[in-house]
Amino acid sequence: MPSLIPSSDFSANSQRMLALRDTVLRLWEEQVRAAIPRAERIATPILTDTMPVLFERMASMLTPGYFGRDGIDVSSIGAEHGIERANLTDYDAESILCEFQLFRSVLFDVLEAEDIVMSGPERRALHLTIDMAVRESVRAFVVAAGELRERFAGALAHDLRQPVSNVSLAAELILMQHPAPAIADWARRIQRNSERMATMLGELLDALAIQSGDRLKLNIEQLDLLELVRGVAERARDYQGADVRLSGSAVTGWWSRSALERALENLVGNALKYGDSGTPIEINVADSVGRGVVSVRNQGKPIPKEEFEAIFQQFVRSKDAGASSTAGWGVGLPYVRTVAQSHGGSAVVFSDAGCGTVFVIDIPVDARPFQEG
């Protein structure tokens, strides 16, 4: 394999190390395939990837004055390696760490076996360079893998919406034929579950749309927050059989009706899923120093404090929710926070055994300035 970087000015040690490139990479490949099951069936050119370039850059460090003694900048090489691993393999971050550990071990074993003598600073520079490559490779891998998952999830969710809609329509057509009671019961079940799937797909698409952290584009109108919440509470009573108790006073402001309705429906649904059976869901609406404040409280097992922030992150569910049989993407609460922030406000949670769990949406009475520009 020809040299990938100019080597005419290399020292004798650099030339000797460069001559060992194919040996090191061959031994490294053998050990990687033996140690990492995910690497067994990867073609050699893909497995080798940027490692030859990394090796040659490191060989150049044994030439006095060619590069600094604190290692060389291989961040772009490491990043490219991580991106390729995300796009072309089924690696995880642990696999990348393992293959770099094996590379370090093989490299120094071969250099020692060939009696290539290095100074302390030279050895340190080689180690620092490998460390930099590992760090950048894992960082780029995590970013690229996340983007790949998001694109896949978005495409899948988008493509599934029409089939799910067709299932719901078919069930509705069956019911219009006034079938036998047993068939009608199954048709209603199909309809309910298809509607549930449609809601989950909509939530997933919303979550992916706001993953970048941008504010939602809202259609702002003047409305009474108490009346909006009353509508959400009535639907929860009528369609979910929830015991919802509403209190508070009228608060008029400029907000997005559809976004707030959906955020509050998420909070009420969350309270209904994870609250103790037989206990009410309490909603309060208040005006506090020019801000509209809505709190949704339920009684039940408290959320651990260390999970308060995590449950507002994309695709994260609390430990109890994760162990629950209740389906969900873990995107409802991130949507709630995004709605609040897009109005210029916030969404927080408080939870303990005595007071129960309380989610609070706190937004300025006029959200128009936060949608301008």
Protein backbone atom coordinates (compact mmCIF):
# COMPACT_ATOMS: atom_id res chain seq x y z
CA MET A 1 0.00 0.00 0.00
CA PRO A 2 1.55 3.35 -1.01
CA SER A 3 2.12 6.10 1.54
CA LEU A 4 -0.86 8.43 1.95
CA ILE A 5 1.12 11.48 3.10
CA PRO A 6 4.53 12.89 2.00
CA SER A 7 7.29 10.95 3.75
CA SER A 8 10.49 12.07 2.00
CA ASP A 9 11.56 14.13 5.03
CA PHE A 10 10.79 11.46 7.60
CA SER A 11 13.48 10.35 10.05
CA ALA A 12 14.76 6.78 10.15
CA ASN A 13 12.39 5.94 13.03
CA SER A 14 9.43 7.41 11.15
CA GLN A 15 10.38 5.40 8.06
CA ARG A 16 10.70 2.23 10.13
CA MET A 17 7.31 2.78 11.76
CA LEU A 18 5.74 3.58 8.39
CA ALA A 19 7.08 0.29 6.99
CA LEU A 20 5.19 -1.54 9.74
CA ARG A 21 1.81 -0.05 8.79
CA ASP A 22 0.45 -3.07 6.95
CA THR A 23 1.63 -5.43 9.68
CA VAL A 24 0.00 -3.37 12.43
CA LEU A 25 -3.26 -2.99 10.52
CA ARG A 26 -3.39 -6.70 9.65
CA LEU A 27 -2.89 -7.75 13.28
CA TRP A 28 -5.34 -5.09 14.42
CA GLU A 29 -7.99 -6.31 11.96
CA GLU A 30 -7.59 -9.90 13.16
CA GLN A 31 -8.01 -8.88 16.79
CA VAL A 32 -10.97 -6.59 16.04
CA ARG A 33 -12.82 -9.35 14.19
CA ALA A 34 -12.13 -11.76 17.07
CA ALA A 35 -13.11 -9.32 19.83
CA ILE A 36 -16.05 -7.41 18.28
CA PRO A 37 -18.88 -9.59 16.94
CA ARG A 38 -20.28 -6.61 15.00
CA ALA A 39 -17.05 -6.50 12.96
CA GLU A 40 -17.00 -10.13 11.82
CA ARG A 41 -18.72 -9.61 8.47
CA ILE A 42 -17.50 -6.11 7.62
CA ALA A 43 -15.43 -5.96 4.43
CA THR A 44 -11.76 -5.11 5.00
CA PRO A 45 -11.83 -1.70 3.23
CA ILE A 46 -14.74 -0.57 5.41
CA LEU A 47 -13.24 -1.98 8.58
CA THR A 48 -9.85 -0.38 7.89
CA ASP A 49 -11.50 2.96 7.09
CA THR A 50 -9.32 5.92 8.21
CA MET A 51 -6.85 3.86 10.24
CA PRO A 52 -4.06 3.95 7.56
CA VAL A 53 -4.16 7.76 7.53
CA LEU A 54 -4.13 7.86 11.32
CA PHE A 55 -1.17 5.48 11.41
CA GLU A 56 0.87 7.57 8.99
CA ARG A 57 0.12 10.78 10.82
CA MET A 58 1.39 9.14 13.98
CA ALA A 59 4.50 7.83 12.24
CA SER A 60 5.41 11.39 11.30
CA MET A 61 5.72 12.29 14.98
CA LEU A 62 8.95 10.27 15.24
CA THR A 63 10.58 12.84 12.98
CA PRO A 64 12.11 15.58 15.21
CA GLY A 65 10.42 18.91 14.61
CA TYR A 66 7.95 17.53 12.08
CA PHE A 67 5.07 17.91 14.50
CA GLY A 68 4.81 19.13 18.09
CA ARG A 69 5.63 16.76 20.88
CA ASP A 70 2.10 16.94 22.39
CA GLY A 71 0.50 14.98 19.61
CA ILE A 72 -0.95 16.01 16.28
CA ASP A 73 -4.41 17.13 15.34
CA VAL A 74 -6.30 14.07 14.13
CA SER A 75 -9.76 15.35 15.06
CA SER A 76 -10.99 15.29 11.45
CA ILE A 77 -9.65 11.75 10.96
CA GLY A 78 -11.32 10.56 14.15
CA ALA A 79 -14.59 12.31 13.31
CA GLU A 80 -14.69 10.78 9.84
CA HIS A 81 -14.06 7.35 11.35
CA GLY A 82 -17.01 7.78 13.72
CA ILE A 83 -19.31 8.96 10.93
CA GLU A 84 -18.37 6.02 8.73
CA ARG A 85 -18.97 3.59 11.59
CA ALA A 86 -22.44 5.09 12.13
CA ASN A 87 -23.39 5.00 8.46
CA LEU A 88 -21.81 1.76 7.27
CA THR A 89 -21.85 -0.60 10.27
CA ASP A 90 -24.08 -1.60 13.16
CA TYR A 91 -21.41 -0.53 15.67
CA ASP A 92 -22.18 1.06 19.00
CA ALA A 93 -19.93 3.46 20.91
CA GLU A 94 -18.45 0.61 22.94
CA SER A 95 -17.32 -1.09 19.72
CA ILE A 96 -15.40 2.03 18.69
CA LEU A 97 -13.71 2.26 22.07
CA CYS A 98 -12.74 -1.41 21.86
CA GLU A 99 -11.20 -1.15 18.41
CA PHE A 100 -9.07 1.85 19.42
CA GLN A 101 -7.92 0.02 22.55
CA LEU A 102 -6.86 -2.87 20.34
CA PHE A 103 -5.11 -0.47 17.95
CA ARG A 104 -3.12 1.05 20.80
CA SER A 105 -2.14 -2.37 22.12
CA VAL A 106 -1.09 -3.79 18.72
CA LEU A 107 0.81 -0.64 17.74
CA PHE A 108 3.03 -0.54 20.82
CA ASP A 109 3.54 -4.31 20.85
CA VAL A 110 4.81 -4.21 17.24
CA LEU A 111 7.00 -1.14 17.82
CA GLU A 112 8.56 -2.82 20.84
CA ALA A 113 9.08 -6.11 18.96
CA GLU A 114 10.86 -4.22 16.15
CA ASP A 115 13.11 -2.40 18.66
CA ILE A 116 11.96 1.06 17.67
CA VAL A 117 13.25 3.20 20.52
CA MET A 118 11.17 6.25 21.44
CA SER A 119 11.68 8.98 23.96
CA GLY A 120 9.20 9.65 26.72
CA PRO A 121 7.70 12.69 24.93
CA GLU A 122 7.33 10.69 21.72
CA ARG A 123 5.44 7.89 23.47
CA ARG A 124 3.28 10.47 25.22
CA ALA A 125 2.51 12.18 21.91
CA LEU A 126 1.42 8.88 20.35
CA HIS A 127 -0.88 8.15 23.29
CA LEU A 128 -2.37 11.66 23.22
CA THR A 129 -3.01 11.37 19.50
CA ILE A 130 -4.86 8.07 19.91
CA ASP A 131 -6.86 9.61 22.76
CA MET A 132 -7.86 12.51 20.51
CA ALA A 133 -8.90 10.14 17.73
CA VAL A 134 -11.01 8.09 20.15
CA ARG A 135 -12.72 11.17 21.58
CA GLU A 136 -13.59 12.68 18.21
CA SER A 137 -14.62 9.35 16.74
CA VAL A 138 -17.09 8.58 19.53
CA ARG A 139 -18.44 12.15 19.53
CA ALA A 140 -19.05 12.10 15.77
CA PHE A 141 -20.49 8.58 15.94
CA VAL A 142 -23.06 9.58 18.57
CA VAL A 143 -24.16 12.62 16.55
CA ALA A 144 -24.31 10.75 13.24
CA ALA A 145 -26.10 7.73 14.72
CA GLY A 146 -28.66 10.01 16.35
CA GLU A 147 -29.34 11.81 13.08
CA LEU A 148 -29.65 8.49 11.26
CA ARG A 149 -32.17 7.19 13.81
CA GLU A 150 -34.16 10.41 13.57
CA ARG A 151 -34.31 10.28 9.77
CA PHE A 152 -35.37 6.65 9.86
CA ALA A 153 -37.98 7.23 12.56
CA GLY A 154 -39.35 10.26 10.72
CA ALA A 155 -39.65 8.42 7.42
CA LEU A 156 -41.21 5.38 9.10
CA ALA A 157 -43.73 7.45 11.07
CA HIS A 158 -44.68 9.46 8.00
CA ASP A 159 -45.18 6.35 5.85
CA LEU A 160 -47.26 4.59 8.53
CA ARG A 161 -49.80 7.37 8.94
CA GLN A 162 -51.75 6.50 5.78
CA PRO A 163 -52.03 2.74 6.49
CA VAL A 164 -53.17 3.51 10.04
CA SER A 165 -55.76 5.95 8.70
CA ASN A 166 -56.97 3.27 6.28
CA VAL A 167 -57.38 0.78 9.14
CA SER A 168 -59.49 3.28 11.08
CA LEU A 169 -61.61 4.04 8.02
CA ALA A 170 -62.18 0.33 7.36
CA ALA A 171 -63.37 -0.17 10.94
CA GLU A 172 -65.72 2.79 10.58
CA LEU A 173 -67.16 1.33 7.36
CA ILE A 174 -67.78 -1.98 9.14
CA LEU A 175 -69.70 -0.18 11.90
CA MET A 176 -71.81 1.64 9.30
CA GLN A 177 -73.10 -1.76 8.10
CA HIS A 178 -74.71 -2.41 11.53
CA PRO A 179 -72.92 -5.74 12.02
CA ALA A 180 -73.57 -8.32 14.72
CA PRO A 181 -72.68 -7.16 18.26
CA ALA A 182 -69.49 -9.25 18.45
CA ILE A 183 -68.21 -7.93 15.11
CA ALA A 184 -69.14 -4.37 16.08
CA ASP A 185 -67.21 -4.74 19.31
CA TRP A 186 -64.09 -5.88 17.45
CA ALA A 187 -64.48 -3.06 14.93
CA ARG A 188 -64.62 -0.49 17.73
CA ARG A 189 -61.51 -2.00 19.27
CA ILE A 190 -59.71 -1.75 15.93
CA GLN A 191 -60.84 1.84 15.60
CA ARG A 192 -59.68 2.81 19.11
CA ASN A 193 -56.28 1.20 18.66
CA SER A 194 -55.73 2.70 15.21
CA GLU A 195 -56.57 6.15 16.62
CA ARG A 196 -54.10 5.49 19.41
CA MET A 197 -51.43 4.57 16.87
CA ALA A 198 -52.17 7.70 14.87
CA THR A 199 -51.73 9.82 18.00
CA MET A 200 -48.40 8.14 18.79
CA LEU A 201 -47.17 8.67 15.24
CA GLY A 202 -48.17 12.32 15.41
CA GLU A 203 -46.28 12.73 18.68
CA LEU A 204 -43.21 11.10 17.20
CA LEU A 205 -43.24 13.41 14.18
CA ASP A 206 -43.66 16.41 16.47
CA ALA A 207 -40.76 15.28 18.62
CA LEU A 208 -38.50 14.86 15.62
CA ALA A 209 -39.52 18.27 14.31
CA ILE A 210 -38.50 19.99 17.55
CA GLN A 211 -35.36 17.89 18.15
CA SER A 212 -33.16 20.78 17.00
CA GLY A 213 -34.41 22.90 19.88
CA ASP A 214 -36.11 25.48 17.68
CA ARG A 215 -39.29 27.07 18.93
CA LEU A 216 -42.55 25.88 17.47
CA LYS A 217 -44.25 28.16 14.97
CA LEU A 218 -47.49 29.04 16.71
CA ASN A 219 -50.77 30.54 15.50
CA ILE A 220 -51.39 33.12 18.21
CA GLU A 221 -54.91 34.28 19.10
CA GLN A 222 -56.63 35.88 22.07
CA LEU A 223 -58.33 33.36 24.33
CA ASP A 224 -59.38 32.57 27.88
CA LEU A 225 -57.03 30.03 29.40
CA LEU A 226 -59.63 28.81 31.88
CA GLU A 227 -62.10 28.07 29.09
CA LEU A 228 -59.44 26.23 27.09
CA VAL A 229 -58.54 24.08 30.11
CA ARG A 230 -62.22 23.44 30.82
CA GLY A 231 -62.60 21.98 27.33
CA VAL A 232 -59.63 19.65 27.86
CA ALA A 233 -61.02 18.54 31.23
CA GLU A 234 -64.48 17.83 29.79
CA ARG A 235 -63.07 15.71 26.99
CA ALA A 236 -61.00 13.72 29.50
CA ARG A 237 -64.15 13.06 31.54
CA ASP A 238 -66.28 12.15 28.52
CA TYR A 239 -63.84 10.00 26.57
CA GLN A 240 -61.47 8.63 29.21
CA GLY A 241 -63.68 8.51 32.27
CA ALA A 242 -61.20 10.65 34.19
CA ASP A 243 -62.10 12.30 37.48
CA VAL A 244 -60.85 15.78 36.63
CA ARG A 245 -61.46 18.64 39.06
CA LEU A 246 -60.93 22.16 37.75
CA SER A 247 -60.40 25.30 39.82
CA GLY A 248 -59.07 28.80 39.26
CA SER A 249 -60.05 32.00 37.53
CA ALA A 250 -60.30 33.33 34.00
CA VAL A 251 -57.02 34.47 32.44
CA THR A 252 -57.19 36.20 29.06
CA GLY A 253 -54.05 36.25 26.93
CA TRP A 254 -52.48 35.77 23.52
CA TRP A 255 -51.53 32.14 22.98
CA SER A 256 -51.80 29.20 20.57
CA ARG A 257 -55.03 27.34 21.25
CA SER A 258 -54.09 24.13 19.43
CA ALA A 259 -50.59 23.86 20.93
CA LEU A 260 -51.77 24.50 24.51
CA GLU A 261 -54.67 22.07 24.12
CA ARG A 262 -52.36 19.32 23.01
CA ALA A 263 -49.82 20.06 25.75
CA LEU A 264 -52.55 19.96 28.40
CA GLU A 265 -54.02 16.79 26.93
CA ASN A 266 -50.57 15.23 27.31
CA LEU A 267 -50.39 16.28 30.96
CA VAL A 268 -53.89 15.03 31.76
CA GLY A 269 -53.23 11.77 29.91
CA ASN A 270 -49.96 11.38 31.79
CA ALA A 271 -51.72 11.98 35.12
CA LEU A 272 -54.41 9.44 34.22
CA LYS A 273 -51.84 6.78 33.23
CA TYR A 274 -49.56 7.07 36.23
CA GLY A 275 -51.82 8.40 38.98
CA ASP A 276 -53.33 6.14 41.61
CA SER A 277 -56.63 4.63 40.55
CA GLY A 278 -59.60 6.23 42.25
CA THR A 279 -57.85 9.53 42.95
CA PRO A 280 -58.75 12.75 41.14
CA ILE A 281 -56.68 14.80 38.71
CA GLU A 282 -56.64 18.39 39.94
CA ILE A 283 -56.14 21.26 37.49
CA ASN A 284 -55.76 24.88 38.56
CA VAL A 285 -55.60 28.00 36.39
CA ALA A 286 -54.23 31.27 37.80
CA ASP A 287 -52.95 34.70 36.79
CA SER A 288 -49.59 35.44 38.41
CA VAL A 289 -47.81 38.74 37.75
CA GLY A 290 -48.81 38.94 34.11
CA ARG A 291 -48.40 35.25 33.46
CA GLY A 292 -50.86 32.41 32.95
CA VAL A 293 -50.13 29.41 35.16
CA VAL A 294 -51.71 25.98 34.78
CA SER A 295 -50.92 23.16 37.21
CA VAL A 296 -51.94 19.51 36.78
CA ARG A 297 -51.72 17.35 39.90
CA ASN A 298 -52.17 13.63 40.43
CA GLN A 299 -51.60 11.31 43.38
CA GLY A 300 -49.34 8.32 42.97
CA LYS A 301 -45.81 7.04 43.24
CA PRO A 302 -43.55 10.12 43.12
CA ILE A 303 -41.05 10.72 40.34
CA PRO A 304 -37.46 10.56 41.70
CA LYS A 305 -35.81 13.98 41.79
CA GLU A 306 -32.94 12.79 39.63
CA GLU A 307 -35.45 12.13 36.83
CA PHE A 308 -37.11 15.58 36.89
CA GLU A 309 -35.02 16.94 34.03
CA ALA A 310 -34.62 13.67 32.14
CA ILE A 311 -38.35 13.15 31.56
CA PHE A 312 -38.46 16.41 29.57
CA GLN A 313 -35.82 15.10 27.16
CA GLN A 314 -36.64 13.49 23.83
CA PHE A 315 -37.43 9.75 23.86
CA VAL A 316 -36.81 9.41 27.62
CA ARG A 317 -39.35 7.87 29.96
CA SER A 318 -39.17 7.57 33.72
CA LYS A 319 -38.14 4.19 35.10
CA ASP A 320 -41.70 3.46 36.24
CA ALA A 321 -43.09 4.50 32.85
CA GLY A 322 -40.51 2.34 31.08
CA ALA A 323 -41.60 -0.67 33.13
CA SER A 324 -45.27 0.08 32.48
CA SER A 325 -47.34 -1.77 29.91
CA THR A 326 -48.64 1.59 28.72
CA ALA A 327 -47.36 2.33 25.22
CA GLY A 328 -45.59 5.58 24.50
CA TRP A 329 -42.55 7.15 22.89
CA GLY A 330 -41.56 9.30 25.85
CA VAL A 331 -42.15 12.42 23.72
CA GLY A 332 -45.26 13.90 25.34
CA LEU A 333 -43.47 15.80 28.09
CA PRO A 334 -40.75 17.18 25.78
CA TYR A 335 -43.58 18.50 23.61
CA VAL A 336 -45.16 20.15 26.67
CA ARG A 337 -41.91 21.92 27.50
CA THR A 338 -41.37 23.00 23.90
CA VAL A 339 -44.87 24.49 23.76
CA ALA A 340 -44.23 26.41 26.97
CA GLN A 341 -40.84 27.67 25.79
CA SER A 342 -42.27 28.66 22.41
CA HIS A 343 -44.69 30.89 24.32
CA GLY A 344 -41.77 32.41 26.21
CA GLY A 345 -42.49 30.38 29.34
CA SER A 346 -41.47 27.17 31.07
CA ALA A 347 -42.68 23.74 32.13
CA VAL A 348 -41.51 22.15 35.39
CA VAL A 349 -42.42 19.23 37.62
CA PHE A 350 -42.61 18.78 41.39
CA SER A 351 -43.17 15.39 42.95
CA ASP A 352 -43.17 13.85 46.41
CA ALA A 353 -45.15 11.28 48.34
CA GLY A 354 -47.13 13.88 50.29
CA CYS A 355 -48.22 16.30 47.57
CA GLY A 356 -48.24 13.96 44.60
CA THR A 357 -46.90 14.92 41.18
CA VAL A 358 -47.54 18.41 39.82
CA PHE A 359 -46.69 19.62 36.33
CA VAL A 360 -46.77 23.39 35.86
CA ILE A 361 -46.98 25.38 32.62
CA ASP A 362 -46.07 29.03 33.24
CA ILE A 363 -46.36 31.41 30.26
CA PRO A 364 -46.58 35.20 29.71
CA VAL A 365 -50.10 36.47 28.99
CA ASP A 366 -48.83 37.80 25.65
CA ALA A 367 -46.76 35.29 23.68
CA ARG A 368 -46.71 37.37 20.49
CA PRO A 369 -43.23 38.89 21.09
CA PHE A 370 -41.73 35.41 21.38
CA GLN A 371 -42.98 34.46 17.92
CA GLU A 372 -41.73 37.58 16.16
CA GLY A 373 -38.61 37.40 14.02
